[in-house]
Amino acid sequence: MGPSLNLEVMRKKLADDTLFKLACKKPKALMKKRRKNMSEDVFGNQLARVHVGKQRTDDIQTRKVKALKKTPLVEAAAGEDAAMEE
C-alpha cells in the first residue's frame, strides 16, 4: 500500500540522576510568571485590581469660563459702591 517504517529505540540506558535533572531543567525565562491581583472566573473572564494613586486636581489645568470670571470693571464698580455707602 504505502511505505512502512520499523522504528526501534536504540538507547535504553538513562543518564545518572544529576545529569538527567540538569537535562530536564527548564530555564526561568520560559516559566510563566504569576501575576498578582488577577483572577479568572468560571467563564474565562479576567478580573484584576488596579491600584491608582491619589489625583492632584490642583495642579491640572481646568476649563475656565469667562462668564464666571470677575472683570476689573465689576470689581472697580463694587469698590465705588462701597465707598459711596460709607
N, C-alpha and C. Protein backbone atom coordinates (compact mmCIF):
# COMPACT_ATOMS: atom_id res chain seq x y z
N MET A 1 0.81 -1.18 0.00
CA MET A 1 0.00 0.00 0.00
C MET A 1 0.86 1.25 0.00
N GLY A 2 1.59 1.48 1.07
CA GLY A 2 2.42 2.66 1.17
C GLY A 2 3.71 2.30 1.87
N PRO A 3 4.53 3.28 2.12
CA PRO A 3 5.79 2.98 2.81
C PRO A 3 5.52 2.54 4.25
N SER A 4 6.31 1.65 4.71
CA SER A 4 6.19 1.18 6.09
C SER A 4 7.50 1.44 6.81
N LEU A 5 7.41 1.71 8.10
CA LEU A 5 8.59 2.01 8.90
C LEU A 5 8.65 1.06 10.07
N ASN A 6 9.84 0.62 10.38
CA ASN A 6 10.09 -0.15 11.59
C ASN A 6 10.96 0.72 12.49
N LEU A 7 10.38 1.25 13.56
CA LEU A 7 11.11 2.12 14.48
C LEU A 7 11.57 1.30 15.67
N GLU A 8 12.81 1.56 16.08
CA GLU A 8 13.37 0.83 17.21
C GLU A 8 14.14 1.82 18.08
N VAL A 9 13.95 1.72 19.42
CA VAL A 9 14.68 2.56 20.35
C VAL A 9 16.06 1.96 20.51
N MET A 10 17.08 2.75 20.16
CA MET A 10 18.44 2.22 20.19
C MET A 10 19.06 2.37 21.58
N ARG A 11 18.78 3.47 22.26
CA ARG A 11 19.40 3.70 23.56
C ARG A 11 18.37 3.47 24.65
N LYS A 12 18.62 2.53 25.49
CA LYS A 12 17.69 2.18 26.55
C LYS A 12 18.24 2.53 27.92
N LYS A 13 19.45 3.07 27.97
CA LYS A 13 20.08 3.38 29.24
C LYS A 13 19.97 4.88 29.51
N LEU A 14 19.47 5.25 30.70
CA LEU A 14 19.34 6.65 31.08
C LEU A 14 20.64 7.14 31.71
N ALA A 15 20.80 8.45 31.71
CA ALA A 15 21.98 9.06 32.34
C ALA A 15 21.83 9.00 33.86
N ASP A 16 22.91 9.31 34.58
CA ASP A 16 22.82 9.32 36.04
C ASP A 16 21.88 10.45 36.48
N ASP A 17 21.45 10.41 37.74
CA ASP A 17 20.40 11.31 38.23
C ASP A 17 20.76 12.78 38.09
N THR A 18 21.97 13.18 38.43
CA THR A 18 22.32 14.60 38.38
C THR A 18 22.33 15.12 36.94
N LEU A 19 22.85 14.33 36.03
CA LEU A 19 22.88 14.74 34.62
C LEU A 19 21.47 14.75 34.03
N PHE A 20 20.64 13.80 34.44
CA PHE A 20 19.26 13.74 33.95
C PHE A 20 18.46 14.95 34.45
N LYS A 21 18.64 15.34 35.72
CA LYS A 21 17.96 16.52 36.26
C LYS A 21 18.42 17.79 35.55
N LEU A 22 19.70 17.87 35.26
CA LEU A 22 20.24 19.03 34.56
C LEU A 22 19.67 19.12 33.15
N ALA A 23 19.50 17.98 32.49
CA ALA A 23 18.97 17.97 31.13
C ALA A 23 17.48 18.32 31.11
N CYS A 24 16.75 17.96 32.14
CA CYS A 24 15.31 18.22 32.19
C CYS A 24 14.97 19.59 32.77
N LYS A 25 15.94 20.33 33.23
CA LYS A 25 15.70 21.61 33.87
C LYS A 25 15.24 22.65 32.84
N LYS A 26 14.17 23.39 33.21
CA LYS A 26 13.65 24.43 32.32
C LYS A 26 14.24 25.77 32.74
N PRO A 27 14.62 26.61 31.80
CA PRO A 27 15.14 27.93 32.16
C PRO A 27 14.03 28.80 32.76
N LYS A 28 14.41 29.73 33.64
CA LYS A 28 13.44 30.58 34.31
C LYS A 28 12.74 31.52 33.34
N ALA A 29 13.38 31.84 32.23
CA ALA A 29 12.77 32.74 31.26
C ALA A 29 11.54 32.11 30.62
N LEU A 30 11.51 30.80 30.50
CA LEU A 30 10.37 30.14 29.87
C LEU A 30 9.23 29.88 30.85
N MET A 31 9.51 29.94 32.14
CA MET A 31 8.48 29.69 33.13
C MET A 31 7.53 30.88 33.19
N LYS A 32 6.24 30.62 33.32
CA LYS A 32 5.24 31.67 33.33
C LYS A 32 5.24 32.35 34.70
N LYS A 33 5.34 33.67 34.70
CA LYS A 33 5.37 34.44 35.94
C LYS A 33 3.95 34.61 36.46
N ARG A 34 3.78 34.43 37.76
CA ARG A 34 2.47 34.59 38.38
C ARG A 34 2.15 36.07 38.47
N ARG A 35 0.95 36.43 38.06
CA ARG A 35 0.54 37.83 38.08
C ARG A 35 -0.30 38.07 39.32
N LYS A 36 0.09 39.07 40.09
CA LYS A 36 -0.60 39.39 41.33
C LYS A 36 -1.89 40.16 41.03
N ASN A 37 -2.84 40.02 41.94
CA ASN A 37 -4.12 40.73 41.90
C ASN A 37 -4.91 40.45 40.63
N MET A 38 -4.74 39.27 40.05
CA MET A 38 -5.51 38.88 38.88
C MET A 38 -6.14 37.53 39.16
N SER A 39 -7.36 37.37 38.71
CA SER A 39 -8.04 36.10 38.84
C SER A 39 -8.89 35.87 37.60
N GLU A 40 -9.43 34.68 37.49
CA GLU A 40 -10.24 34.33 36.33
C GLU A 40 -11.51 33.66 36.83
N ASP A 41 -12.66 34.07 36.28
CA ASP A 41 -13.90 33.46 36.72
C ASP A 41 -14.18 32.20 35.90
N VAL A 42 -15.31 31.56 36.15
CA VAL A 42 -15.62 30.27 35.51
C VAL A 42 -15.85 30.42 34.01
N PHE A 43 -16.15 31.62 33.54
CA PHE A 43 -16.37 31.84 32.12
C PHE A 43 -15.10 32.22 31.37
N GLY A 44 -13.99 32.36 32.06
CA GLY A 44 -12.73 32.70 31.42
C GLY A 44 -12.45 34.19 31.37
N ASN A 45 -13.29 35.00 32.00
CA ASN A 45 -13.04 36.45 32.03
C ASN A 45 -12.00 36.76 33.08
N GLN A 46 -11.09 37.67 32.76
CA GLN A 46 -10.05 38.05 33.70
C GLN A 46 -10.54 39.20 34.57
N LEU A 47 -10.34 39.06 35.87
CA LEU A 47 -10.68 40.10 36.83
C LEU A 47 -9.39 40.57 37.47
N ALA A 48 -9.22 41.88 37.58
CA ALA A 48 -7.98 42.41 38.13
C ALA A 48 -8.28 43.59 39.03
N ARG A 49 -7.36 43.85 39.94
CA ARG A 49 -7.45 45.01 40.83
C ARG A 49 -6.33 45.96 40.45
N VAL A 50 -6.71 47.19 40.19
CA VAL A 50 -5.74 48.20 39.78
C VAL A 50 -5.61 49.22 40.91
N HIS A 51 -4.38 49.52 41.28
CA HIS A 51 -4.12 50.49 42.33
C HIS A 51 -3.67 51.79 41.68
N VAL A 52 -4.41 52.85 41.93
CA VAL A 52 -4.12 54.16 41.35
C VAL A 52 -3.86 55.13 42.49
N GLY A 53 -2.84 55.93 42.35
CA GLY A 53 -2.52 56.92 43.38
C GLY A 53 -3.53 58.04 43.44
N LYS A 54 -3.42 58.86 44.46
CA LYS A 54 -4.34 59.98 44.64
C LYS A 54 -4.10 61.03 43.56
N GLN A 55 -5.18 61.52 42.97
CA GLN A 55 -5.07 62.51 41.92
C GLN A 55 -4.96 63.90 42.52
N ARG A 56 -4.03 64.68 41.99
CA ARG A 56 -3.86 66.06 42.44
C ARG A 56 -4.58 66.97 41.46
N THR A 57 -5.77 67.38 41.81
CA THR A 57 -6.57 68.20 40.91
C THR A 57 -6.16 69.66 40.93
N ASP A 58 -5.37 70.07 41.92
CA ASP A 58 -4.93 71.47 41.98
C ASP A 58 -3.90 71.78 40.90
N ASP A 59 -3.14 70.78 40.49
CA ASP A 59 -2.06 71.01 39.54
C ASP A 59 -2.52 70.98 38.08
N ILE A 60 -3.67 70.38 37.80
CA ILE A 60 -4.08 70.25 36.40
C ILE A 60 -4.79 71.51 35.93
N GLN A 61 -4.76 71.73 34.64
CA GLN A 61 -5.41 72.89 34.03
C GLN A 61 -6.87 72.55 33.82
N THR A 62 -7.76 73.24 34.48
CA THR A 62 -9.19 73.00 34.30
C THR A 62 -9.77 74.03 33.35
N ARG A 63 -10.98 73.79 32.92
CA ARG A 63 -11.63 74.70 31.99
C ARG A 63 -12.00 75.99 32.70
N LYS A 64 -11.69 77.09 32.07
CA LYS A 64 -12.00 78.38 32.66
C LYS A 64 -13.15 79.02 31.87
N VAL A 65 -14.19 79.41 32.57
CA VAL A 65 -15.34 80.04 31.93
C VAL A 65 -15.23 81.54 32.17
N LYS A 66 -15.27 82.31 31.09
CA LYS A 66 -15.11 83.76 31.20
C LYS A 66 -16.32 84.42 31.87
N ALA A 67 -17.48 83.79 31.78
CA ALA A 67 -18.68 84.39 32.36
C ALA A 67 -18.60 84.42 33.88
N LEU A 68 -17.91 83.47 34.47
CA LEU A 68 -17.81 83.41 35.92
C LEU A 68 -16.63 84.22 36.46
N LYS A 69 -15.77 84.67 35.57
CA LYS A 69 -14.59 85.40 36.00
C LYS A 69 -14.94 86.87 36.25
N LYS A 70 -14.47 87.41 37.36
CA LYS A 70 -14.74 88.82 37.67
C LYS A 70 -13.84 89.69 36.81
N THR A 71 -14.44 90.68 36.19
CA THR A 71 -13.66 91.60 35.37
C THR A 71 -13.21 92.78 36.22
N PRO A 72 -12.17 93.48 35.82
CA PRO A 72 -11.71 94.63 36.60
C PRO A 72 -12.76 95.72 36.73
N LEU A 73 -13.65 95.89 35.73
CA LEU A 73 -14.69 96.92 35.80
C LEU A 73 -15.70 96.60 36.89
N VAL A 74 -16.05 95.35 37.01
CA VAL A 74 -17.03 94.96 38.03
C VAL A 74 -16.43 95.15 39.41
N GLU A 75 -15.16 94.80 39.57
CA GLU A 75 -14.50 94.97 40.87
C GLU A 75 -14.39 96.46 41.22
N ALA A 76 -14.06 97.28 40.23
CA ALA A 76 -13.94 98.73 40.48
C ALA A 76 -15.29 99.33 40.83
N ALA A 77 -16.34 98.90 40.13
CA ALA A 77 -17.68 99.41 40.42
C ALA A 77 -18.13 98.97 41.80
N ALA A 78 -17.78 97.78 42.20
CA ALA A 78 -18.14 97.29 43.53
C ALA A 78 -17.40 98.09 44.59
N GLY A 79 -16.17 98.47 44.31
CA GLY A 79 -15.39 99.29 45.24
C GLY A 79 -15.96 100.69 45.37
N GLU A 80 -16.44 101.27 44.26
CA GLU A 80 -17.03 102.61 44.30
C GLU A 80 -18.35 102.60 45.06
N ASP A 81 -19.15 101.55 44.86
CA ASP A 81 -20.42 101.45 45.58
C ASP A 81 -20.19 101.36 47.07
N ALA A 82 -19.18 100.65 47.46
CA ALA A 82 -18.87 100.52 48.89
C ALA A 82 -18.38 101.86 49.44
N ALA A 83 -17.64 102.61 48.64
CA ALA A 83 -17.14 103.91 49.09
C ALA A 83 -18.28 104.92 49.21
N MET A 84 -19.28 104.85 48.34
CA MET A 84 -20.40 105.78 48.38
C MET A 84 -21.31 105.50 49.58
N GLU A 85 -21.43 104.25 49.95
CA GLU A 85 -22.30 103.88 51.06
C GLU A 85 -21.71 104.34 52.39
N GLU A 86 -20.42 104.51 52.47
CA GLU A 86 -19.78 104.93 53.72
C GLU A 86 -19.95 106.35 53.93
